[in-house]
PDB file of all heavy atoms in Angstrom:
ATOM      1  N   LEU A   1       0.821  -1.210   0.000  1.00  0.00           N
ATOM      2  CA  LEU A   1       0.000   0.000   0.000  1.00  0.00           C
ATOM      3  C   LEU A   1       0.856   1.261   0.000  1.00  0.00           C
ATOM      4  O   LEU A   1       0.440   2.298  -0.538  1.00  0.00           O
ATOM      5  CB  LEU A   1      -0.940  -0.016   1.201  1.00  0.00           C
ATOM      6  CG  LEU A   1      -2.011  -1.122   1.163  1.00  0.00           C
ATOM      7  CD1 LEU A   1      -2.854  -1.095   2.439  1.00  0.00           C
ATOM      8  CD2 LEU A   1      -2.894  -1.002  -0.068  1.00  0.00           C
ATOM      9  N   GLU A   2       2.051   1.196   0.563  1.00  0.00           N
ATOM     10  CA  GLU A   2       2.963   2.341   0.514  1.00  0.00           C
ATOM     11  C   GLU A   2       3.381   2.648  -0.922  1.00  0.00           C
ATOM     12  O   GLU A   2       3.680   3.795  -1.262  1.00  0.00           O
ATOM     13  CB  GLU A   2       4.200   2.062   1.369  1.00  0.00           C
ATOM     14  CG  GLU A   2       3.954   2.171   2.857  1.00  0.00           C
ATOM     15  CD  GLU A   2       5.195   1.873   3.673  1.00  0.00           C
ATOM     16  OE1 GLU A   2       6.271   1.669   3.066  1.00  0.00           O
ATOM     17  OE2 GLU A   2       5.104   1.835   4.915  1.00  0.00           O
ATOM     18  N   ILE A   3       3.404   1.625  -1.765  1.00  0.00           N
ATOM     19  CA  ILE A   3       3.720   1.822  -3.178  1.00  0.00           C
ATOM     20  C   ILE A   3       2.502   2.350  -3.928  1.00  0.00           C
ATOM     21  O   ILE A   3       2.599   3.279  -4.730  1.00  0.00           O
ATOM     22  CB  ILE A   3       4.201   0.491  -3.808  1.00  0.00           C
ATOM     23  CG1 ILE A   3       5.508   0.040  -3.165  1.00  0.00           C
ATOM     24  CG2 ILE A   3       4.358   0.636  -5.322  1.00  0.00           C
ATOM     25  CD1 ILE A   3       5.918  -1.368  -3.556  1.00  0.00           C
ATOM     26  N   LEU A   4       1.338   1.783  -3.655  1.00  0.00           N
ATOM     27  CA  LEU A   4       0.142   2.098  -4.439  1.00  0.00           C
ATOM     28  C   LEU A   4      -0.474   3.440  -4.079  1.00  0.00           C
ATOM     29  O   LEU A   4      -0.885   4.200  -4.972  1.00  0.00           O
ATOM     30  CB  LEU A   4      -0.904   0.994  -4.259  1.00  0.00           C
ATOM     31  CG  LEU A   4      -0.492  -0.432  -4.622  1.00  0.00           C
ATOM     32  CD1 LEU A   4      -1.688  -1.369  -4.469  1.00  0.00           C
ATOM     33  CD2 LEU A   4       0.086  -0.516  -6.024  1.00  0.00           C
ATOM     34  N   SER A   5      -0.580   3.741  -2.802  1.00  0.00           N
ATOM     35  CA  SER A   5      -1.361   4.905  -2.368  1.00  0.00           C
ATOM     36  C   SER A   5      -0.887   6.227  -2.951  1.00  0.00           C
ATOM     37  O   SER A   5      -1.714   7.021  -3.431  1.00  0.00           O
ATOM     38  CB  SER A   5      -1.375   4.977  -0.835  1.00  0.00           C
ATOM     39  OG  SER A   5      -2.093   3.881  -0.303  1.00  0.00           O
ATOM     40  N   PRO A   6       0.415   6.557  -2.945  1.00  0.00           N
ATOM     41  CA  PRO A   6       0.826   7.867  -3.460  1.00  0.00           C
ATOM     42  C   PRO A   6       0.841   7.970  -4.978  1.00  0.00           C
ATOM     43  O   PRO A   6       0.929   9.075  -5.518  1.00  0.00           O
ATOM     44  CB  PRO A   6       2.244   8.035  -2.895  1.00  0.00           C
ATOM     45  CG  PRO A   6       2.752   6.647  -2.734  1.00  0.00           C
ATOM     46  CD  PRO A   6       1.548   5.823  -2.362  1.00  0.00           C
ATOM     47  N   ARG A   7       0.754   6.870  -5.668  1.00  0.00           N
ATOM     48  CA  ARG A   7       0.787   6.880  -7.135  1.00  0.00           C
ATOM     49  C   ARG A   7      -0.652   6.967  -7.634  1.00  0.00           C
ATOM     50  O   ARG A   7      -1.367   5.963  -7.693  1.00  0.00           O
ATOM     51  CB  ARG A   7       1.521   5.646  -7.659  1.00  0.00           C
ATOM     52  CG  ARG A   7       3.032   5.681  -7.366  1.00  0.00           C
ATOM     53  CD  ARG A   7       3.696   4.356  -7.699  1.00  0.00           C
ATOM     54  NE  ARG A   7       5.150   4.456  -7.705  1.00  0.00           N
ATOM     55  CZ  ARG A   7       5.935   4.315  -6.631  1.00  0.00           C
ATOM     56  NH1 ARG A   7       5.377   4.068  -5.439  1.00  0.00           N
ATOM     57  NH2 ARG A   7       7.250   4.427  -6.742  1.00  0.00           N
ATOM     58  N   LYS A   8      -1.057   8.157  -7.989  1.00  0.00           N
ATOM     59  CA  LYS A   8      -2.464   8.433  -8.266  1.00  0.00           C
ATOM     60  C   LYS A   8      -2.982   7.711  -9.503  1.00  0.00           C
ATOM     61  O   LYS A   8      -4.201   7.623  -9.698  1.00  0.00           O
ATOM     62  CB  LYS A   8      -2.676   9.937  -8.408  1.00  0.00           C
ATOM     63  CG  LYS A   8      -2.364  10.725  -7.146  1.00  0.00           C
ATOM     64  CD  LYS A   8      -3.201  10.250  -5.966  1.00  0.00           C
ATOM     65  CE  LYS A   8      -2.919  11.081  -4.725  1.00  0.00           C
ATOM     66  NZ  LYS A   8      -3.682  10.595  -3.551  1.00  0.00           N
ATOM     67  N   GLN A   9      -2.095   7.187 -10.344  1.00  0.00           N
ATOM     68  CA  GLN A   9      -2.583   6.419 -11.489  1.00  0.00           C
ATOM     69  C   GLN A   9      -3.146   5.068 -11.063  1.00  0.00           C
ATOM     70  O   GLN A   9      -3.869   4.419 -11.820  1.00  0.00           O
ATOM     71  CB  GLN A   9      -1.470   6.213 -12.527  1.00  0.00           C
ATOM     72  CG  GLN A   9      -0.365   5.228 -12.152  1.00  0.00           C
ATOM     73  CD  GLN A   9       0.789   5.890 -11.415  1.00  0.00           C
ATOM     74  OE1 GLN A   9       0.587   6.848 -10.680  1.00  0.00           O
ATOM     75  NE2 GLN A   9       2.000   5.405 -11.653  1.00  0.00           N
ATOM     76  N   VAL A  10      -2.838   4.625  -9.853  1.00  0.00           N
ATOM     77  CA  VAL A  10      -3.383   3.360  -9.341  1.00  0.00           C
ATOM     78  C   VAL A  10      -4.822   3.602  -8.903  1.00  0.00           C
ATOM     79  O   VAL A  10      -5.083   4.366  -7.970  1.00  0.00           O
ATOM     80  CB  VAL A  10      -2.551   2.815  -8.177  1.00  0.00           C
ATOM     81  CG1 VAL A  10      -3.185   1.536  -7.626  1.00  0.00           C
ATOM     82  CG2 VAL A  10      -1.110   2.552  -8.622  1.00  0.00           C
ATOM     83  N   LYS A  11      -5.743   2.965  -9.572  1.00  0.00           N
ATOM     84  CA  LYS A  11      -7.174   3.185  -9.304  1.00  0.00           C
ATOM     85  C   LYS A  11      -7.827   2.032  -8.541  1.00  0.00           C
ATOM     86  O   LYS A  11      -8.822   2.244  -7.842  1.00  0.00           O
ATOM     87  CB  LYS A  11      -7.921   3.384 -10.623  1.00  0.00           C
ATOM     88  CG  LYS A  11      -7.293   4.418 -11.556  1.00  0.00           C
ATOM     89  CD  LYS A  11      -7.124   5.783 -10.922  1.00  0.00           C
ATOM     90  CE  LYS A  11      -6.582   6.789 -11.936  1.00  0.00           C
ATOM     91  NZ  LYS A  11      -6.323   8.117 -11.321  1.00  0.00           N
ATOM     92  N   ALA A  12      -7.287   0.821  -8.694  1.00  0.00           N
ATOM     93  CA  ALA A  12      -7.927  -0.329  -8.059  1.00  0.00           C
ATOM     94  C   ALA A  12      -6.908  -1.404  -7.752  1.00  0.00           C
ATOM     95  O   ALA A  12      -5.912  -1.562  -8.474  1.00  0.00           O
ATOM     96  CB  ALA A  12      -9.028  -0.896  -8.952  1.00  0.00           C
ATOM     97  N   LEU A  13      -7.150  -2.125  -6.680  1.00  0.00           N
ATOM     98  CA  LEU A  13      -6.415  -3.335  -6.333  1.00  0.00           C
ATOM     99  C   LEU A  13      -7.427  -4.476  -6.368  1.00  0.00           C
ATOM    100  O   LEU A  13      -8.404  -4.475  -5.613  1.00  0.00           O
ATOM    101  CB  LEU A  13      -5.782  -3.207  -4.952  1.00  0.00           C
ATOM    102  CG  LEU A  13      -5.012  -4.426  -4.448  1.00  0.00           C
ATOM    103  CD1 LEU A  13      -3.840  -4.751  -5.361  1.00  0.00           C
ATOM    104  CD2 LEU A  13      -4.525  -4.210  -3.006  1.00  0.00           C
ATOM    105  N   ILE A  14      -7.199  -5.420  -7.266  1.00  0.00           N
ATOM    106  CA  ILE A  14      -8.147  -6.507  -7.517  1.00  0.00           C
ATOM    107  C   ILE A  14      -7.550  -7.804  -6.979  1.00  0.00           C
ATOM    108  O   ILE A  14      -6.392  -8.131  -7.281  1.00  0.00           O
ATOM    109  CB  ILE A  14      -8.441  -6.621  -9.020  1.00  0.00           C
ATOM    110  CG1 ILE A  14      -9.001  -5.290  -9.547  1.00  0.00           C
ATOM    111  CG2 ILE A  14      -9.409  -7.762  -9.301  1.00  0.00           C
ATOM    112  CD1 ILE A  14      -9.068  -5.212 -11.053  1.00  0.00           C
ATOM    113  N   PHE A  15      -8.313  -8.557  -6.204  1.00  0.00           N
ATOM    114  CA  PHE A  15      -7.778  -9.752  -5.560  1.00  0.00           C
ATOM    115  C   PHE A  15      -8.868 -10.811  -5.435  1.00  0.00           C
ATOM    116  O   PHE A  15     -10.047 -10.566  -5.708  1.00  0.00           O
ATOM    117  CB  PHE A  15      -7.197  -9.409  -4.179  1.00  0.00           C
ATOM    118  CG  PHE A  15      -8.147  -8.684  -3.268  1.00  0.00           C
ATOM    119  CD1 PHE A  15      -8.935  -9.378  -2.358  1.00  0.00           C
ATOM    120  CD2 PHE A  15      -8.261  -7.298  -3.324  1.00  0.00           C
ATOM    121  CE1 PHE A  15      -9.823  -8.709  -1.523  1.00  0.00           C
ATOM    122  CE2 PHE A  15      -9.138  -6.617  -2.481  1.00  0.00           C
ATOM    123  CZ  PHE A  15      -9.922  -7.321  -1.591  1.00  0.00           C
ATOM    124  N   GLY A  16      -8.469 -12.000  -5.011  1.00  0.00           N
ATOM    125  CA  GLY A  16      -9.393 -13.111  -4.793  1.00  0.00           C
ATOM    126  C   GLY A  16      -9.183 -13.677  -3.405  1.00  0.00           C
ATOM    127  O   GLY A  16      -9.257 -12.980  -2.416  1.00  0.00           O
ATOM    128  N   HIS A  17      -8.927 -14.986  -3.322  1.00  0.00           N
ATOM    129  CA  HIS A  17      -8.484 -15.672  -2.113  1.00  0.00           C
ATOM    130  C   HIS A  17      -9.584 -15.893  -1.083  1.00  0.00           C
ATOM    131  O   HIS A  17      -9.668 -16.968  -0.487  1.00  0.00           O
ATOM    132  CB  HIS A  17      -7.313 -14.904  -1.475  1.00  0.00           C
ATOM    133  CG  HIS A  17      -6.647 -15.631  -0.348  1.00  0.00           C
ATOM    134  ND1 HIS A  17      -6.084 -16.876  -0.505  1.00  0.00           N
ATOM    135  CD2 HIS A  17      -6.447 -15.272   0.958  1.00  0.00           C
ATOM    136  CE1 HIS A  17      -5.558 -17.255   0.654  1.00  0.00           C
ATOM    137  NE2 HIS A  17      -5.771 -16.308   1.550  1.00  0.00           N
ATOM    138  N   THR A  18     -10.447 -14.920  -0.834  1.00  0.00           N
ATOM    139  CA  THR A  18     -11.467 -15.056   0.215  1.00  0.00           C
ATOM    140  C   THR A  18     -12.763 -15.691  -0.280  1.00  0.00           C
ATOM    141  O   THR A  18     -13.663 -15.942   0.518  1.00  0.00           O
ATOM    142  CB  THR A  18     -11.814 -13.686   0.823  1.00  0.00           C
ATOM    143  OG1 THR A  18     -12.539 -12.917  -0.138  1.00  0.00           O
ATOM    144  CG2 THR A  18     -10.567 -12.935   1.261  1.00  0.00           C
ATOM    145  N   HIS A  19     -12.862 -15.912  -1.606  1.00  0.00           N
ATOM    146  CA  HIS A  19     -14.076 -16.487  -2.195  1.00  0.00           C
ATOM    147  C   HIS A  19     -15.293 -15.628  -1.847  1.00  0.00           C
ATOM    148  O   HIS A  19     -16.373 -16.144  -1.512  1.00  0.00           O
ATOM    149  CB  HIS A  19     -14.288 -17.927  -1.740  1.00  0.00           C
ATOM    150  CG  HIS A  19     -13.210 -18.878  -2.171  1.00  0.00           C
ATOM    151  ND1 HIS A  19     -13.474 -20.171  -2.558  1.00  0.00           N
ATOM    152  CD2 HIS A  19     -11.868 -18.732  -2.300  1.00  0.00           C
ATOM    153  CE1 HIS A  19     -12.345 -20.788  -2.886  1.00  0.00           C
ATOM    154  NE2 HIS A  19     -11.347 -19.910  -2.727  1.00  0.00           N
ATOM    155  N   THR A  20     -15.113 -14.321  -1.971  1.00  0.00           N
ATOM    156  CA  THR A  20     -16.139 -13.362  -1.581  1.00  0.00           C
ATOM    157  C   THR A  20     -16.249 -12.270  -2.630  1.00  0.00           C
ATOM    158  O   THR A  20     -15.228 -11.794  -3.151  1.00  0.00           O
ATOM    159  CB  THR A  20     -15.782 -12.714  -0.225  1.00  0.00           C
ATOM    160  OG1 THR A  20     -15.701 -13.738   0.770  1.00  0.00           O
ATOM    161  CG2 THR A  20     -16.824 -11.692   0.204  1.00  0.00           C
ATOM    162  N   TRP A  21     -17.478 -11.860  -2.949  1.00  0.00           N
ATOM    163  CA  TRP A  21     -17.705 -10.734  -3.856  1.00  0.00           C
ATOM    164  C   TRP A  21     -17.946  -9.487  -3.021  1.00  0.00           C
ATOM    165  O   TRP A  21     -18.918  -9.403  -2.267  1.00  0.00           O
ATOM    166  CB  TRP A  21     -18.891 -11.039  -4.760  1.00  0.00           C
ATOM    167  CG  TRP A  21     -19.509  -9.877  -5.481  1.00  0.00           C
ATOM    168  CD1 TRP A  21     -20.829  -9.522  -5.455  1.00  0.00           C
ATOM    169  CD2 TRP A  21     -18.872  -8.949  -6.371  1.00  0.00           C
ATOM    170  NE1 TRP A  21     -21.053  -8.430  -6.263  1.00  0.00           N
ATOM    171  CE2 TRP A  21     -19.857  -8.053  -6.836  1.00  0.00           C
ATOM    172  CE3 TRP A  21     -17.548  -8.781  -6.809  1.00  0.00           C
ATOM    173  CZ2 TRP A  21     -19.583  -7.017  -7.713  1.00  0.00           C
ATOM    174  CZ3 TRP A  21     -17.268  -7.742  -7.684  1.00  0.00           C
ATOM    175  CH2 TRP A  21     -18.269  -6.880  -8.132  1.00  0.00           C
ATOM    176  N   ASP A  22     -17.035  -8.509  -3.144  1.00  0.00           N
ATOM    177  CA  ASP A  22     -17.138  -7.324  -2.308  1.00  0.00           C
ATOM    178  C   ASP A  22     -16.262  -6.220  -2.898  1.00  0.00           C
ATOM    179  O   ASP A  22     -15.250  -6.502  -3.551  1.00  0.00           O
ATOM    180  CB  ASP A  22     -16.676  -7.641  -0.885  1.00  0.00           C
ATOM    181  CG  ASP A  22     -16.954  -6.518   0.094  1.00  0.00           C
ATOM    182  OD1 ASP A  22     -17.985  -5.830  -0.071  1.00  0.00           O
ATOM    183  OD2 ASP A  22     -16.144  -6.325   1.014  1.00  0.00           O
ATOM    184  N   ILE A  23     -16.643  -4.981  -2.676  1.00  0.00           N
ATOM    185  CA  ILE A  23     -15.835  -3.833  -3.090  1.00  0.00           C
ATOM    186  C   ILE A  23     -15.808  -2.821  -1.949  1.00  0.00           C
ATOM    187  O   ILE A  23     -16.855  -2.442  -1.416  1.00  0.00           O
ATOM    188  CB  ILE A  23     -16.381  -3.168  -4.362  1.00  0.00           C
ATOM    189  CG1 ILE A  23     -16.328  -4.145  -5.545  1.00  0.00           C
ATOM    190  CG2 ILE A  23     -15.583  -1.899  -4.696  1.00  0.00           C
ATOM    191  CD1 ILE A  23     -16.831  -3.572  -6.854  1.00  0.00           C
ATOM    192  N   LYS A  24     -14.599  -2.431  -1.583  1.00  0.00           N
ATOM    193  CA  LYS A  24     -14.410  -1.399  -0.570  1.00  0.00           C
ATOM    194  C   LYS A  24     -13.491  -0.327  -1.147  1.00  0.00           C
ATOM    195  O   LYS A  24     -13.117  -0.366  -2.322  1.00  0.00           O
ATOM    196  CB  LYS A  24     -13.824  -2.007   0.710  1.00  0.00           C
ATOM    197  CG  LYS A  24     -14.799  -2.890   1.489  1.00  0.00           C
ATOM    198  CD  LYS A  24     -14.183  -3.369   2.791  1.00  0.00           C
ATOM    199  CE  LYS A  24     -15.208  -4.073   3.682  1.00  0.00           C
ATOM    200  NZ  LYS A  24     -15.731  -5.288   3.074  1.00  0.00           N
ATOM    201  N   ASP A  25     -13.117   0.640  -0.291  1.00  0.00           N
ATOM    202  CA  ASP A  25     -12.284   1.748  -0.736  1.00  0.00           C
ATOM    203  C   ASP A  25     -11.255   2.060   0.340  1.00  0.00           C
ATOM    204  O   ASP A  25     -11.572   2.039   1.533  1.00  0.00           O
ATOM    205  CB  ASP A  25     -13.154   2.985  -1.007  1.00  0.00           C
ATOM    206  CG  ASP A  25     -12.352   4.157  -1.539  1.00  0.00           C
ATOM    207  OD1 ASP A  25     -11.733   4.864  -0.719  1.00  0.00           O
ATOM    208  OD2 ASP A  25     -12.337   4.357  -2.756  1.00  0.00           O
ATOM    209  N   LYS A  26     -10.010   2.313  -0.082  1.00  0.00           N
ATOM    210  CA  LYS A  26      -8.971   2.732   0.860  1.00  0.00           C
ATOM    211  C   LYS A  26      -8.114   3.795   0.194  1.00  0.00           C
ATOM    212  O   LYS A  26      -7.484   3.541  -0.840  1.00  0.00           O
ATOM    213  CB  LYS A  26      -8.100   1.550   1.298  1.00  0.00           C
ATOM    214  CG  LYS A  26      -7.020   1.950   2.312  1.00  0.00           C
ATOM    215  CD  LYS A  26      -6.276   0.748   2.827  1.00  0.00           C
ATOM    216  CE  LYS A  26      -5.176   1.156   3.801  1.00  0.00           C
ATOM    217  NZ  LYS A  26      -5.695   1.913   4.965  1.00  0.00           N
ATOM    218  N   ASP A  27      -8.127   4.979   0.780  1.00  0.00           N
ATOM    219  CA  ASP A  27      -7.341   6.109   0.251  1.00  0.00           C
ATOM    220  C   ASP A  27      -7.676   6.381  -1.210  1.00  0.00           C
ATOM    221  O   ASP A  27      -6.802   6.757  -1.996  1.00  0.00           O
ATOM    222  CB  ASP A  27      -5.837   5.840   0.406  1.00  0.00           C
ATOM    223  CG  ASP A  27      -5.428   5.651   1.854  1.00  0.00           C
ATOM    224  OD1 ASP A  27      -6.036   6.285   2.731  1.00  0.00           O
ATOM    225  OD2 ASP A  27      -4.490   4.855   2.106  1.00  0.00           O
ATOM    226  N   GLY A  28      -8.947   6.157  -1.581  1.00  0.00           N
ATOM    227  CA  GLY A  28      -9.361   6.400  -2.953  1.00  0.00           C
ATOM    228  C   GLY A  28      -9.112   5.253  -3.900  1.00  0.00           C
ATOM    229  O   GLY A  28      -9.515   5.308  -5.070  1.00  0.00           O
TER     230      GLY A  28
END
């Protein structure tokens, strides 16, 4: 997150693993 958060071109972090459909927001 230290890499992603300040780089404003990063719009989304997409992941799996939890077998869950969900969308949240962190620092935009």
